[in-house]
Amino acid sequence: MTPIQQYIHDIVQEKISAVIDLVDESGTPIGRLLPLTVSHLDDEVILGKLTDWRNANMNFFLTHFTATIERTRSWLANVVFKNPTQLMFLIYSSDQLIGHFGFKDLTEKDVLLDNAMRGERGGHPKLLQAAGRALIDWLFEKTNVKTVYGYVLTTNAAAIMLNRAMGFGLWDKYPLNKSVTNGEARWDIGPKGGNSDDNSYCYRVEVVRSGA
């Protein structure tokens, strides 16, 4: 395990804290990011919100299935928390849980920003944007990655606007190819510039470290 992987592992196991403060353009505090950790596996309220948000926004994910609290708990315990290249944060406005943001596939060179979700109304109108930008800055501070990248469905206008506001560029277009297994649909990303039989596409976007 690399030092940064050990760092992520220790955050998840609650050996160290990793709270990220969120501010608006004027520097006024508007919220904070708190990492999802092992203690959340016993928090039925938070698991319920994560599950409800996932179901309500299913069309914006590359996998379609009906989430349950137990499935969410199992995913966190057996996928997210066992992967030292992945971390998810809960977004709070004061004491109100608003959504989540995270990253995965962390390497020496780059990292995938994903799991952006505003599940509740309330808080600053640009809270999700501030959370994403703060998470990018945190990754550049804590790791040696040169590039933070993401994928955005071409049909998700709100996510496109959010990513532009967070400073993402590039916007290369990739096809999405559908497969169905046990009644669950999945869209896999094909080669850049290719065609999709389902006429489904996404953009790959990037933020590059300053001076890189």
C-alpha atoms as a PDB file:
ATOM      1  CA  MET A   1       0.000   0.000   0.000  1.00  0.00           C
ATOM      2  CA  THR A   2       1.394   3.397  -0.986  1.00  0.00           C
ATOM      3  CA  PRO A   3       1.488   6.269   1.547  1.00  0.00           C
ATOM      4  CA  ILE A   4      -1.560   7.967  -0.021  1.00  0.00           C
ATOM      5  CA  GLN A   5      -3.456   4.660  -0.067  1.00  0.00           C
ATOM      6  CA  GLN A   6      -2.632   4.194   3.612  1.00  0.00           C
ATOM      7  CA  TYR A   7      -3.857   7.737   4.220  1.00  0.00           C
ATOM      8  CA  ILE A   8      -7.194   6.994   2.546  1.00  0.00           C
ATOM      9  CA  HIS A   9      -7.476   3.701   4.449  1.00  0.00           C
ATOM     10  CA  ASP A  10      -6.862   5.476   7.756  1.00  0.00           C
ATOM     11  CA  ILE A  11      -9.541   8.078   6.937  1.00  0.00           C
ATOM     12  CA  VAL A  12     -12.111   5.366   6.226  1.00  0.00           C
ATOM     13  CA  GLN A  13     -11.153   3.512   9.424  1.00  0.00           C
ATOM     14  CA  GLU A  14     -11.461   6.800  11.379  1.00  0.00           C
ATOM     15  CA  LYS A  15      -7.843   6.773  12.514  1.00  0.00           C
ATOM     16  CA  ILE A  16      -7.447  10.309  11.152  1.00  0.00           C
ATOM     17  CA  SER A  17      -9.848  13.112  10.251  1.00  0.00           C
ATOM     18  CA  ALA A  18     -10.284  14.678   6.821  1.00  0.00           C
ATOM     19  CA  VAL A  19     -12.880  17.439   7.030  1.00  0.00           C
ATOM     20  CA  ILE A  20     -12.805  19.879   4.105  1.00  0.00           C
ATOM     21  CA  ASP A  21     -14.311  23.342   4.676  1.00  0.00           C
ATOM     22  CA  LEU A  22     -16.369  24.856   1.853  1.00  0.00           C
ATOM     23  CA  VAL A  23     -16.481  28.567   1.070  1.00  0.00           C
ATOM     24  CA  ASP A  24     -18.111  30.726  -1.580  1.00  0.00           C
ATOM     25  CA  GLU A  25     -16.365  33.141  -3.954  1.00  0.00           C
ATOM     26  CA  SER A  26     -15.992  35.733  -1.191  1.00  0.00           C
ATOM     27  CA  GLY A  27     -14.476  33.228   1.246  1.00  0.00           C
ATOM     28  CA  THR A  28     -17.605  32.969   3.382  1.00  0.00           C
ATOM     29  CA  PRO A  29     -18.087  29.488   4.921  1.00  0.00           C
ATOM     30  CA  ILE A  30     -21.033  27.662   3.316  1.00  0.00           C
ATOM     31  CA  GLY A  31     -20.540  24.047   4.380  1.00  0.00           C
ATOM     32  CA  ARG A  32     -18.110  21.183   4.709  1.00  0.00           C
ATOM     33  CA  LEU A  33     -17.183  17.789   3.323  1.00  0.00           C
ATOM     34  CA  LEU A  34     -17.071  14.848   5.739  1.00  0.00           C
ATOM     35  CA  PRO A  35     -15.679  11.507   4.543  1.00  0.00           C
ATOM     36  CA  LEU A  36     -17.875   8.432   4.553  1.00  0.00           C
ATOM     37  CA  THR A  37     -16.330   6.050   7.100  1.00  0.00           C
ATOM     38  CA  VAL A  38     -16.984   2.643   8.629  1.00  0.00           C
ATOM     39  CA  SER A  39     -19.260   4.096  11.318  1.00  0.00           C
ATOM     40  CA  HIS A  40     -21.727   5.139   8.611  1.00  0.00           C
ATOM     41  CA  LEU A  41     -22.436   1.453   7.935  1.00  0.00           C
ATOM     42  CA  ASP A  42     -24.645   1.553  11.046  1.00  0.00           C
ATOM     43  CA  ASP A  43     -26.310   4.887  10.221  1.00  0.00           C
ATOM     44  CA  GLU A  44     -29.707   3.986   8.768  1.00  0.00           C
ATOM     45  CA  VAL A  45     -30.602   7.631   8.098  1.00  0.00           C
ATOM     46  CA  ILE A  46     -27.558   8.332   5.941  1.00  0.00           C
ATOM     47  CA  LEU A  47     -27.770   4.946   4.209  1.00  0.00           C
ATOM     48  CA  GLY A  48     -31.420   5.682   3.486  1.00  0.00           C
ATOM     49  CA  LYS A  49     -30.625   9.041   1.945  1.00  0.00           C
ATOM     50  CA  LEU A  50     -27.836   7.615  -0.216  1.00  0.00           C
ATOM     51  CA  THR A  51     -30.241   4.907  -1.401  1.00  0.00           C
ATOM     52  CA  ASP A  52     -33.114   7.298  -2.133  1.00  0.00           C
ATOM     53  CA  TRP A  53     -30.861   9.705  -4.020  1.00  0.00           C
ATOM     54  CA  ARG A  54     -29.437   6.889  -6.131  1.00  0.00           C
ATOM     55  CA  ASN A  55     -32.890   5.674  -7.118  1.00  0.00           C
ATOM     56  CA  ALA A  56     -34.204   9.173  -7.841  1.00  0.00           C
ATOM     57  CA  ASN A  57     -31.253   9.934 -10.156  1.00  0.00           C
ATOM     58  CA  MET A  58     -30.757   6.507 -11.741  1.00  0.00           C
ATOM     59  CA  ASN A  59     -30.796   7.869 -15.304  1.00  0.00           C
ATOM     60  CA  PHE A  60     -27.626   9.867 -14.663  1.00  0.00           C
ATOM     61  CA  PHE A  61     -25.570   6.776 -13.767  1.00  0.00           C
ATOM     62  CA  LEU A  62     -23.888   4.279 -16.090  1.00  0.00           C
ATOM     63  CA  THR A  63     -25.500   1.378 -14.215  1.00  0.00           C
ATOM     64  CA  HIS A  64     -29.242   1.070 -13.690  1.00  0.00           C
ATOM     65  CA  PHE A  65     -30.657  -0.933 -10.784  1.00  0.00           C
ATOM     66  CA  THR A  66     -33.005  -0.422  -7.858  1.00  0.00           C
ATOM     67  CA  ALA A  67     -30.941   0.373  -4.785  1.00  0.00           C
ATOM     68  CA  THR A  68     -31.847  -0.792  -1.274  1.00  0.00           C
ATOM     69  CA  ILE A  69     -30.348   0.149   2.076  1.00  0.00           C
ATOM     70  CA  GLU A  70     -28.727  -3.280   2.362  1.00  0.00           C
ATOM     71  CA  ARG A  71     -27.296  -3.028  -1.141  1.00  0.00           C
ATOM     72  CA  THR A  72     -25.924   0.440  -0.363  1.00  0.00           C
ATOM     73  CA  ARG A  73     -24.408  -0.839   2.886  1.00  0.00           C
ATOM     74  CA  SER A  74     -22.811  -3.794   1.089  1.00  0.00           C
ATOM     75  CA  TRP A  75     -21.447  -1.534  -1.679  1.00  0.00           C
ATOM     76  CA  LEU A  76     -19.814   0.764   0.863  1.00  0.00           C
ATOM     77  CA  ALA A  77     -18.412  -2.085   2.979  1.00  0.00           C
ATOM     78  CA  ASN A  78     -17.197  -4.351   0.174  1.00  0.00           C
ATOM     79  CA  VAL A  79     -16.355  -1.943  -2.647  1.00  0.00           C
ATOM     80  CA  VAL A  80     -15.729   1.632  -1.497  1.00  0.00           C
ATOM     81  CA  PHE A  81     -14.185   0.993   1.913  1.00  0.00           C
ATOM     82  CA  LYS A  82     -11.973  -1.841   0.673  1.00  0.00           C
ATOM     83  CA  ASN A  83     -10.544   0.249  -2.148  1.00  0.00           C
ATOM     84  CA  PRO A  84      -7.646   2.492  -1.000  1.00  0.00           C
ATOM     85  CA  THR A  85      -7.863   4.453  -4.270  1.00  0.00           C
ATOM     86  CA  GLN A  86     -11.432   5.592  -3.569  1.00  0.00           C
ATOM     87  CA  LEU A  87     -13.058   7.952  -1.078  1.00  0.00           C
ATOM     88  CA  MET A  88     -16.510   9.498  -0.786  1.00  0.00           C
ATOM     89  CA  PHE A  89     -17.491  12.641   1.089  1.00  0.00           C
ATOM     90  CA  LEU A  90     -20.854  13.756   2.451  1.00  0.00           C
ATOM     91  CA  ILE A  91     -21.739  17.389   1.700  1.00  0.00           C
ATOM     92  CA  TYR A  92     -23.182  19.350   4.590  1.00  0.00           C
ATOM     93  CA  SER A  93     -24.677  22.834   4.821  1.00  0.00           C
ATOM     94  CA  SER A  94     -24.528  23.580   8.556  1.00  0.00           C
ATOM     95  CA  ASP A  95     -26.010  20.376   9.993  1.00  0.00           C
ATOM     96  CA  GLN A  96     -28.101  19.510   6.930  1.00  0.00           C
ATOM     97  CA  LEU A  97     -26.906  16.667   4.696  1.00  0.00           C
ATOM     98  CA  ILE A  98     -27.242  17.927   1.118  1.00  0.00           C
ATOM     99  CA  GLY A  99     -25.417  15.392  -1.066  1.00  0.00           C
ATOM    100  CA  HIS A 100     -22.118  13.680  -1.749  1.00  0.00           C
ATOM    101  CA  PHE A 101     -18.990  13.870  -3.917  1.00  0.00           C
ATOM    102  CA  GLY A 102     -16.041  11.521  -4.296  1.00  0.00           C
ATOM    103  CA  PHE A 103     -13.170  10.116  -6.289  1.00  0.00           C
ATOM    104  CA  LYS A 104     -11.820   6.709  -7.327  1.00  0.00           C
ATOM    105  CA  ASP A 105      -9.160   5.050  -9.494  1.00  0.00           C
ATOM    106  CA  LEU A 106      -6.421   7.158  -7.876  1.00  0.00           C
ATOM    107  CA  THR A 107      -3.018   6.512  -9.482  1.00  0.00           C
ATOM    108  CA  GLU A 108       0.345   8.258  -9.424  1.00  0.00           C
ATOM    109  CA  LYS A 109      -0.760  10.329 -12.440  1.00  0.00           C
ATOM    110  CA  ASP A 110      -4.493  10.929 -12.301  1.00  0.00           C
ATOM    111  CA  VAL A 111      -7.775  10.355 -10.486  1.00  0.00           C
ATOM    112  CA  LEU A 112     -11.439  10.082 -11.460  1.00  0.00           C
ATOM    113  CA  LEU A 113     -13.803  12.535  -9.777  1.00  0.00           C
ATOM    114  CA  ASP A 114     -17.287  11.024  -9.523  1.00  0.00           C
ATOM    115  CA  ASN A 115     -20.397  10.430  -7.398  1.00  0.00           C
ATOM    116  CA  ALA A 116     -21.459  14.076  -7.500  1.00  0.00           C
ATOM    117  CA  MET A 117     -24.946  14.351  -6.092  1.00  0.00           C
ATOM    118  CA  ARG A 118     -27.143  17.106  -4.695  1.00  0.00           C
ATOM    119  CA  GLY A 119     -29.895  15.066  -3.112  1.00  0.00           C
ATOM    120  CA  GLU A 120     -31.624  17.764  -1.064  1.00  0.00           C
ATOM    121  CA  ARG A 121     -32.705  21.355  -1.494  1.00  0.00           C
ATOM    122  CA  GLY A 122     -31.181  23.961   0.780  1.00  0.00           C
ATOM    123  CA  GLY A 123     -27.804  25.483   1.429  1.00  0.00           C
ATOM    124  CA  HIS A 124     -25.850  27.756  -0.870  1.00  0.00           C
ATOM    125  CA  PRO A 125     -26.936  27.542  -4.549  1.00  0.00           C
ATOM    126  CA  LYS A 126     -23.332  26.823  -5.563  1.00  0.00           C
ATOM    127  CA  LEU A 127     -22.651  24.329  -2.773  1.00  0.00           C
ATOM    128  CA  LEU A 128     -22.056  21.398  -5.145  1.00  0.00           C
ATOM    129  CA  GLN A 129     -19.697  23.496  -7.262  1.00  0.00           C
ATOM    130  CA  ALA A 130     -17.779  24.560  -4.158  1.00  0.00           C
ATOM    131  CA  ALA A 131     -17.599  20.942  -2.992  1.00  0.00           C
ATOM    132  CA  GLY A 132     -16.168  19.770  -6.305  1.00  0.00           C
ATOM    133  CA  ARG A 133     -13.632  22.554  -6.503  1.00  0.00           C
ATOM    134  CA  ALA A 134     -12.549  21.989  -2.889  1.00  0.00           C
ATOM    135  CA  LEU A 135     -12.159  18.264  -3.540  1.00  0.00           C
ATOM    136  CA  ILE A 136     -10.010  18.957  -6.621  1.00  0.00           C
ATOM    137  CA  ASP A 137      -7.821  21.321  -4.592  1.00  0.00           C
ATOM    138  CA  TRP A 138      -7.580  18.717  -1.790  1.00  0.00           C
ATOM    139  CA  LEU A 139      -6.454  16.044  -4.276  1.00  0.00           C
ATOM    140  CA  PHE A 140      -3.777  18.329  -5.707  1.00  0.00           C
ATOM    141  CA  GLU A 141      -2.592  19.115  -2.160  1.00  0.00           C
ATOM    142  CA  LYS A 142      -2.616  15.563  -0.768  1.00  0.00           C
ATOM    143  CA  THR A 143      -1.505  13.576  -3.840  1.00  0.00           C
ATOM    144  CA  ASN A 144       0.926  13.902  -6.735  1.00  0.00           C
ATOM    145  CA  VAL A 145      -1.686  13.545  -9.492  1.00  0.00           C
ATOM    146  CA  LYS A 146      -1.299  15.853 -12.464  1.00  0.00           C
ATOM    147  CA  THR A 147      -4.854  15.398 -13.761  1.00  0.00           C
ATOM    148  CA  VAL A 148      -8.310  15.125 -12.233  1.00  0.00           C
ATOM    149  CA  TYR A 149     -10.794  13.814 -14.794  1.00  0.00           C
ATOM    150  CA  GLY A 150     -14.455  12.909 -15.027  1.00  0.00           C
ATOM    151  CA  TYR A 151     -17.189  11.672 -17.333  1.00  0.00           C
ATOM    152  CA  VAL A 152     -20.395  13.576 -18.053  1.00  0.00           C
ATOM    153  CA  LEU A 153     -23.403  12.329 -19.997  1.00  0.00           C
ATOM    154  CA  THR A 154     -23.981  14.535 -23.052  1.00  0.00           C
ATOM    155  CA  THR A 155     -27.679  14.684 -22.106  1.00  0.00           C
ATOM    156  CA  ASN A 156     -27.040  15.924 -18.532  1.00  0.00           C
ATOM    157  CA  ALA A 157     -27.130  19.694 -18.999  1.00  0.00           C
ATOM    158  CA  ALA A 158     -26.891  20.438 -15.266  1.00  0.00           C
ATOM    159  CA  ALA A 159     -23.752  18.298 -14.888  1.00  0.00           C
ATOM    160  CA  ILE A 160     -22.189  19.909 -17.961  1.00  0.00           C
ATOM    161  CA  MET A 161     -22.739  23.365 -16.458  1.00  0.00           C
ATOM    162  CA  LEU A 162     -21.400  22.203 -13.084  1.00  0.00           C
ATOM    163  CA  ASN A 163     -18.219  20.770 -14.579  1.00  0.00           C
ATOM    164  CA  ARG A 164     -17.567  23.911 -16.615  1.00  0.00           C
ATOM    165  CA  ALA A 165     -18.024  25.984 -13.455  1.00  0.00           C
ATOM    166  CA  MET A 166     -15.537  23.771 -11.592  1.00  0.00           C
ATOM    167  CA  GLY A 167     -12.912  24.475 -14.264  1.00  0.00           C
ATOM    168  CA  PHE A 168     -13.036  21.265 -16.290  1.00  0.00           C
ATOM    169  CA  GLY A 169     -11.907  21.406 -19.901  1.00  0.00           C
ATOM    170  CA  LEU A 170     -11.081  19.052 -22.825  1.00  0.00           C
ATOM    171  CA  TRP A 171     -14.636  17.699 -23.523  1.00  0.00           C
ATOM    172  CA  ASP A 172     -13.679  14.698 -25.654  1.00  0.00           C
ATOM    173  CA  LYS A 173     -16.713  12.659 -26.747  1.00  0.00           C
ATOM    174  CA  TYR A 174     -16.978   8.901 -26.143  1.00  0.00           C
ATOM    175  CA  PRO A 175     -19.701   6.385 -27.090  1.00  0.00           C
ATOM    176  CA  LEU A 176     -21.611   4.413 -24.466  1.00  0.00           C
ATOM    177  CA  ASN A 177     -22.463   0.791 -25.244  1.00  0.00           C
ATOM    178  CA  LYS A 178     -25.304  -0.893 -23.385  1.00  0.00           C
ATOM    179  CA  SER A 179     -25.330  -4.403 -21.940  1.00  0.00           C
ATOM    180  CA  VAL A 180     -27.891  -6.112 -19.709  1.00  0.00           C
ATOM    181  CA  THR A 181     -27.034  -8.734 -17.077  1.00  0.00           C
ATOM    182  CA  ASN A 182     -29.637 -10.262 -14.750  1.00  0.00           C
ATOM    183  CA  GLY A 183     -32.040  -7.489 -15.648  1.00  0.00           C
ATOM    184  CA  GLU A 184     -29.584  -4.697 -14.804  1.00  0.00           C
ATOM    185  CA  ALA A 185     -28.466  -2.304 -17.547  1.00  0.00           C
ATOM    186  CA  ARG A 186     -24.907  -1.072 -17.811  1.00  0.00           C
ATOM    187  CA  TRP A 187     -23.260   1.380 -20.208  1.00  0.00           C
ATOM    188  CA  ASP A 188     -19.564   0.863 -20.957  1.00  0.00           C
ATOM    189  CA  ILE A 189     -17.397   3.641 -22.379  1.00  0.00           C
ATOM    190  CA  GLY A 190     -16.094   2.878 -25.867  1.00  0.00           C
ATOM    191  CA  PRO A 191     -13.160   4.368 -27.802  1.00  0.00           C
ATOM    192  CA  LYS A 192     -12.984   8.118 -28.317  1.00  0.00           C
ATOM    193  CA  GLY A 193     -14.761   9.204 -31.479  1.00  0.00           C
ATOM    194  CA  GLY A 194     -16.579   5.879 -31.861  1.00  0.00           C
ATOM    195  CA  ASN A 195     -20.280   5.333 -32.488  1.00  0.00           C
ATOM    196  CA  SER A 196     -22.911   4.143 -30.036  1.00  0.00           C
ATOM    197  CA  ASP A 197     -25.587   1.690 -31.163  1.00  0.00           C
ATOM    198  CA  ASP A 198     -27.859   3.254 -28.537  1.00  0.00           C
ATOM    199  CA  ASN A 199     -27.004   6.832 -29.527  1.00  0.00           C
ATOM    200  CA  SER A 200     -25.660   7.394 -26.015  1.00  0.00           C
ATOM    201  CA  TYR A 201     -22.513   9.425 -25.417  1.00  0.00           C
ATOM    202  CA  CYS A 202     -20.467  11.045 -22.674  1.00  0.00           C
ATOM    203  CA  TYR A 203     -17.735  13.665 -22.434  1.00  0.00           C
ATOM    204  CA  ARG A 204     -14.388  13.095 -20.783  1.00  0.00           C
ATOM    205  CA  VAL A 205     -13.325  16.252 -18.961  1.00  0.00           C
ATOM    206  CA  GLU A 206     -10.091  17.222 -17.228  1.00  0.00           C
ATOM    207  CA  VAL A 207      -8.569  19.652 -14.769  1.00  0.00           C
ATOM    208  CA  VAL A 208      -4.761  19.760 -14.942  1.00  0.00           C
ATOM    209  CA  ARG A 209      -2.570  20.789 -12.018  1.00  0.00           C
ATOM    210  CA  SER A 210      -1.261  24.333 -12.396  1.00  0.00           C
ATOM    211  CA  GLY A 211       2.282  24.275 -13.784  1.00  0.00           C
ATOM    212  CA  ALA A 212       2.063  20.599 -14.782  1.00  0.00           C
END
